[in-house]
Protein backbone atom coordinates (compact mmCIF):
# COMPACT_ATOMS: atom_id res chain seq x y z
CA UNK A 1 96.90 69.79 129.43
CA UNK A 2 96.01 72.24 126.68
CA UNK A 3 95.53 76.00 126.33
CA UNK A 4 92.42 77.85 125.28
CA UNK A 5 93.61 80.55 122.90
CA UNK A 6 91.92 83.71 121.59
CA UNK A 7 92.95 86.36 119.05
CA UNK A 8 90.90 89.53 119.50
CA UNK A 9 90.40 91.62 116.38
CA UNK A 10 88.24 94.59 115.53
CA UNK A 11 86.07 92.53 113.16
CA UNK A 12 86.20 89.03 114.60
CA UNK A 13 87.35 86.98 117.56
CA UNK A 14 89.32 83.92 116.49
CA UNK A 15 90.33 81.05 118.68
CA UNK A 16 91.18 77.44 119.15
CA UNK A 17 93.00 74.95 121.33
CA UNK A 18 96.80 74.87 121.53
CA UNK A 19 97.49 71.14 121.48
CA UNK A 20 100.92 69.61 120.81
CA UNK A 21 102.33 72.84 119.32
CA UNK A 22 99.46 73.42 116.90
CA UNK A 23 96.04 75.02 116.86
CA UNK A 24 93.13 72.58 116.72
CA UNK A 25 89.37 73.06 116.98
CA UNK A 26 89.51 76.54 115.37
CA UNK A 27 86.54 78.88 115.63
CA UNK A 28 85.59 82.51 115.09
CA UNK A 29 82.71 84.85 115.82
CA UNK A 30 82.01 88.55 115.19
CA UNK A 31 83.60 90.89 117.72
CA UNK A 32 80.97 91.69 120.36
CA UNK A 33 79.78 95.27 120.76
CA UNK A 34 80.24 95.41 124.55
CA UNK A 35 82.49 93.96 127.23
CA UNK A 36 79.54 92.13 128.79
CA UNK A 37 78.78 90.40 125.49
CA UNK A 38 82.45 89.61 125.02
CA UNK A 39 82.70 87.90 128.40
CA UNK A 40 79.57 85.90 127.75
CA UNK A 41 80.79 84.58 124.41
CA UNK A 42 84.30 83.82 125.68
CA UNK A 43 82.81 81.81 128.54
CA UNK A 44 80.51 79.96 126.18
CA UNK A 45 83.49 78.87 124.09
CA UNK A 46 85.33 77.67 127.18
CA UNK A 47 82.36 75.62 128.30
CA UNK A 48 81.86 74.16 124.83
CA UNK A 49 85.48 73.11 124.37
CA UNK A 50 85.95 71.92 127.96
CA UNK A 51 83.75 68.96 127.08
CA UNK A 52 86.62 67.62 124.97
CA UNK A 53 89.78 69.32 126.28
CA UNK A 54 91.32 69.90 129.73
CA UNK A 55 92.65 73.46 129.99
CA UNK A 56 95.51 74.66 132.17
CA UNK A 57 95.12 78.30 131.14
CA UNK A 58 93.98 80.88 128.62
CA UNK A 59 96.25 82.75 126.18
CA UNK A 60 95.07 85.94 124.49
CA UNK A 61 96.41 88.00 121.60
CA UNK A 62 94.95 91.51 121.69
CA UNK A 63 95.41 94.92 120.06
CA UNK A 64 96.81 97.87 121.97
CA UNK A 65 99.68 98.27 124.43
CA UNK A 66 99.25 95.02 126.32
CA UNK A 67 100.88 94.89 129.76
CA UNK A 68 100.69 91.31 130.94
CA UNK A 69 102.35 92.14 134.27
CA UNK A 70 99.92 94.87 135.38
CA UNK A 71 97.06 93.12 133.62
CA UNK A 72 95.97 96.24 131.74
CA UNK A 73 95.69 96.95 128.01
CA UNK A 74 96.73 100.56 127.47
CA UNK A 75 96.55 102.66 124.33
CA UNK A 76 93.61 102.49 121.94
CA UNK A 77 92.35 99.98 119.40
CA UNK A 78 89.39 98.91 117.30
CA UNK A 79 87.93 97.30 120.45
CA UNK A 80 87.57 100.35 122.72
CA UNK A 81 86.06 98.59 125.73
CA UNK A 82 89.12 96.41 126.48
CA UNK A 83 91.35 99.30 127.58
CA UNK A 84 92.43 100.93 130.85
CA UNK A 85 91.10 98.59 133.50
CA UNK A 86 92.35 95.40 135.18
CA UNK A 87 91.16 93.17 132.38
CA UNK A 88 93.46 90.25 133.17
CA UNK A 89 91.99 89.96 136.68
CA UNK A 90 88.49 90.04 135.21
CA UNK A 91 89.38 87.30 132.73
CA UNK A 92 90.95 85.07 135.35
CA UNK A 93 87.78 85.42 137.38
CA UNK A 94 85.70 84.59 134.32
CA UNK A 95 87.65 81.51 133.26
CA UNK A 96 88.81 80.30 136.67
CA UNK A 97 92.23 79.75 135.08
CA UNK A 98 95.56 81.58 134.70
CA UNK A 99 95.52 84.09 131.85
CA UNK A 100 98.39 85.65 129.91
CA UNK A 101 98.00 88.39 127.28
CA UNK A 102 100.23 89.66 124.50
CA UNK A 103 99.97 92.32 121.80
CA UNK A 104 98.82 90.84 118.49
CA UNK A 105 101.89 91.89 116.47
CA UNK A 106 104.14 90.61 119.26
CA UNK A 107 102.24 87.33 119.21
CA UNK A 108 102.88 86.87 115.50
CA UNK A 109 106.57 87.59 116.07
CA UNK A 110 106.77 85.07 118.90
CA UNK A 111 105.18 82.42 116.70
CA UNK A 112 107.75 82.94 113.96
CA UNK A 113 110.71 83.19 116.35
CA UNK A 114 109.94 80.14 118.46
CA UNK A 115 107.98 77.79 116.19
CA UNK A 116 108.17 79.17 112.65
CA UNK A 117 110.58 80.64 110.14
CA UNK A 118 113.28 81.60 112.67
CA UNK A 119 113.02 78.61 114.99
CA UNK A 120 116.37 77.94 116.65
CA UNK A 121 117.72 81.47 116.17
CA UNK A 122 118.56 83.66 119.19
CA UNK A 123 117.89 87.16 117.85
CA UNK A 124 114.89 87.56 115.58
CA UNK A 125 113.21 90.69 114.26
CA UNK A 126 109.69 90.22 112.92
CA UNK A 127 108.35 92.93 110.61
CA UNK A 128 104.65 92.97 109.79
CA UNK A 129 103.53 94.93 106.72
CA UNK A 130 99.83 95.70 106.81
CA UNK A 131 97.91 98.95 106.74
CA UNK A 132 100.87 100.26 108.73
CA UNK A 133 104.23 98.81 109.75
CA UNK A 134 104.89 97.14 113.09
CA UNK A 135 106.83 94.30 114.55
CA UNK A 136 108.76 92.87 117.43
CA UNK A 137 112.31 91.94 118.43
CA UNK A 138 112.59 88.52 120.09
CA UNK A 139 115.79 87.67 121.93
CA UNK A 140 116.28 84.18 123.32
CA UNK A 141 112.54 83.57 123.19
CA UNK A 142 111.65 86.79 125.04
CA UNK A 143 110.13 89.94 123.59
CA UNK A 144 111.96 93.23 123.98
CA UNK A 145 109.24 95.73 124.84
CA UNK A 146 111.26 98.77 125.94
CA UNK A 147 110.76 101.19 128.82
CA UNK A 148 107.17 102.15 127.95
CA UNK A 149 106.12 99.10 125.96
CA UNK A 150 106.46 100.93 122.65
CA UNK A 151 109.34 98.90 121.19
CA UNK A 152 108.28 97.51 117.84
CA UNK A 153 106.58 100.67 116.59
CA UNK A 154 108.88 100.53 113.58
CA UNK A 155 106.31 102.28 111.44
CA UNK A 156 107.17 105.54 113.22
CA UNK A 157 110.74 105.56 111.88
CA UNK A 158 111.36 108.36 109.40
CA UNK A 159 112.27 106.90 106.02
CA UNK A 160 111.82 109.70 103.49
CA UNK A 161 112.28 113.17 104.90
CA UNK A 162 109.35 113.87 107.22
CA UNK A 163 107.49 110.72 106.14
CA UNK A 164 107.48 107.59 108.26
CA UNK A 165 107.84 103.92 107.38
CA UNK A 166 104.07 103.44 107.72
CA UNK A 167 103.47 106.46 105.48
CA UNK A 168 105.58 105.17 102.60
CA UNK A 169 106.38 101.46 103.03
CA UNK A 170 103.02 99.71 102.71
CA UNK A 171 100.90 98.52 99.82
CA UNK A 172 98.12 100.86 100.95
CA UNK A 173 100.45 103.81 100.40
CA UNK A 174 101.66 102.36 97.10
CA UNK A 175 98.06 102.32 95.88
CA UNK A 176 97.56 105.92 97.04
CA UNK A 177 100.68 107.15 95.23
CA UNK A 178 99.72 105.37 92.03
CA UNK A 179 96.15 106.75 92.17
CA UNK A 180 97.42 110.28 92.74
CA UNK A 181 99.80 109.93 89.82
CA UNK A 182 97.34 108.42 87.33
CA UNK A 183 94.01 109.79 88.54
CA UNK A 184 92.57 106.28 88.68
CA UNK A 185 90.52 105.12 91.64
CA UNK A 186 89.13 101.84 92.99
CA UNK A 187 92.46 100.09 92.53
CA UNK A 188 94.23 97.62 94.78
CA UNK A 189 97.81 96.48 95.22
CA UNK A 190 97.29 93.27 93.29
CA UNK A 191 96.25 95.23 90.19
CA UNK A 192 99.20 97.59 90.41
CA UNK A 193 101.67 94.73 90.77
CA UNK A 194 100.01 93.04 87.79
CA UNK A 195 100.45 96.18 85.70
CA UNK A 196 104.06 96.47 86.80
CA UNK A 197 104.70 92.85 85.79
CA UNK A 198 103.22 93.68 82.37
CA UNK A 199 105.61 96.61 81.97
CA UNK A 200 103.39 99.64 82.53
CA UNK A 201 105.78 102.53 83.27
CA UNK A 202 103.89 104.23 86.12
CA UNK A 203 103.21 100.96 87.90
CA UNK A 204 106.80 99.76 87.51
CA UNK A 205 108.19 103.02 88.87
CA UNK A 206 105.84 103.06 91.86
CA UNK A 207 106.51 99.40 92.69
CA UNK A 208 110.26 100.02 92.46
CA UNK A 209 109.91 102.98 94.81
CA UNK A 210 107.82 100.88 97.21
CA UNK A 211 110.58 98.26 97.41
CA UNK A 212 113.16 101.00 97.86
CA UNK A 213 111.31 102.34 100.89
CA UNK A 214 110.95 98.84 102.27
CA UNK A 215 114.63 98.05 101.74
CA UNK A 216 115.59 101.29 103.50
CA UNK A 217 113.49 100.39 106.54
CA UNK A 218 114.84 96.86 106.66
CA UNK A 219 118.42 98.11 106.49
CA UNK A 220 117.79 100.61 109.31
CA UNK A 221 116.43 97.82 111.49
CA UNK A 222 119.39 95.59 110.65
CA UNK A 223 121.96 98.15 111.82
CA UNK A 224 119.89 99.07 114.87
CA UNK A 225 119.28 95.53 116.18
CA UNK A 226 121.79 93.29 114.32
CA UNK A 227 119.36 90.34 114.33
CA UNK A 228 120.12 86.86 113.04
CA UNK A 229 117.31 87.40 110.55
CA UNK A 230 114.35 89.63 109.71
CA UNK A 231 111.12 87.72 109.13
CA UNK A 232 108.53 89.46 106.95
CA UNK A 233 104.80 89.02 107.45
CA UNK A 234 101.58 90.75 106.47
CA UNK A 235 99.42 90.56 103.37
CA UNK A 236 102.19 91.43 100.91
CA UNK A 237 104.16 88.37 102.05
CA UNK A 238 101.59 86.24 100.22
CA UNK A 239 102.69 87.63 96.85
CA UNK A 240 104.58 84.78 95.11
CA UNK A 241 107.40 87.01 93.85
CA UNK A 242 107.64 89.14 96.99
CA UNK A 243 110.67 87.56 98.65
CA UNK A 244 112.71 87.56 95.44
CA UNK A 245 111.80 91.19 94.76
CA UNK A 246 112.55 92.48 98.25
CA UNK A 247 115.80 90.52 98.38
CA UNK A 248 116.90 92.19 95.14
CA UNK A 249 115.93 95.61 96.49
CA UNK A 250 117.87 95.07 99.73
CA UNK A 251 120.94 93.81 97.87
CA UNK A 252 120.84 96.82 95.53
CA UNK A 253 120.53 99.23 98.47
CA UNK A 254 123.45 97.66 100.32
CA UNK A 255 125.62 97.47 97.21
CA UNK A 256 125.14 101.17 96.50
CA UNK A 257 126.51 102.01 99.93
CA UNK A 258 129.19 99.28 99.75
CA UNK A 259 128.03 98.05 103.16
CA UNK A 260 127.77 94.36 102.31
CA UNK A 261 128.89 93.37 105.81
CA UNK A 262 125.55 94.74 107.07
CA UNK A 263 123.52 92.60 104.64
CA UNK A 264 120.25 91.56 106.31
CA UNK A 265 119.08 87.96 106.20
CA UNK A 266 115.45 88.32 105.09
CA UNK A 267 113.01 85.43 105.43
CA UNK A 268 109.31 84.88 104.69
CA UNK A 269 106.96 84.11 107.56
CA UNK A 270 105.71 80.56 108.06
CA UNK A 271 102.39 81.29 109.70
CA UNK A 272 99.71 83.70 108.57
CA UNK A 273 96.18 83.20 109.86
CA UNK A 274 97.25 81.19 112.91
CA UNK A 275 100.32 83.25 113.86
CA UNK A 276 98.63 85.34 116.57
CA UNK A 277 97.07 82.30 118.22
CA UNK A 278 100.32 80.34 118.21
CA UNK A 279 102.28 83.32 119.52
CA UNK A 280 99.84 83.88 122.37
CA UNK A 281 100.26 80.25 123.38
CA UNK A 282 104.06 80.48 123.20
CA UNK A 283 103.94 83.62 125.35
CA UNK A 284 101.79 81.85 127.95
CA UNK A 285 104.22 78.95 128.15
CA UNK A 286 107.21 81.33 128.50
CA UNK A 287 105.54 83.08 131.45
CA UNK A 288 104.50 79.92 133.24
CA UNK A 289 107.78 78.01 132.78
């Protein structure tokens, strides 16, 4: 039997069917404005797909501090109505099936650790580089969440004085620093990297500093967790030269300190758009096994 899988985002709800370790019958629709509308559209998708597939359960990737045991999504997110009530119980009543939930960043990490780039490795750290920095540590196929469920908030590490990883180690911040330096506006990361590749001094210096911040954060995570590998995801991972450039930055950082025995093994992610869906399904299977 298959799993019905959803990935809840602030802009859209994505989904599909987890069938033979892959996502089939993909779909998406705009994120509903209310919980009542959300339930209605989730149920409609179940009914539609149940004509072709037999479901044993529902797996959900969601924003916020997701507690699958208590069945509550704590914290805050871009979908305010999903928080601070027994949402898992409500969903099981809606679907008439077992439901398991997982934080969206944790889901992506699970996908890479169990099915993707780090398949077969015991200790995997997944680092996602988006608007901020987050991630997850997966040990023997299980997520380490910590005492309060906050493990993986790597973006809160201090990297440069009083500035955190999220404040310095993302492309968004790279763009901000370049704009402040040059006075230009309406730029994006792709343009700044292009200018750096062409040799423009300001762009080259800011890109080099960006990689330095990123290498510092990666090294800190390596010595803190000692993982088999660190898998990198997020929009920047789609840059063709990214892995070569970050590998060089990490090697330079380690060589300066003469700490080669702490050299991280850095790997690109395998999944992008389907990572959250796959990870939610993997989490469901781990809880039901």
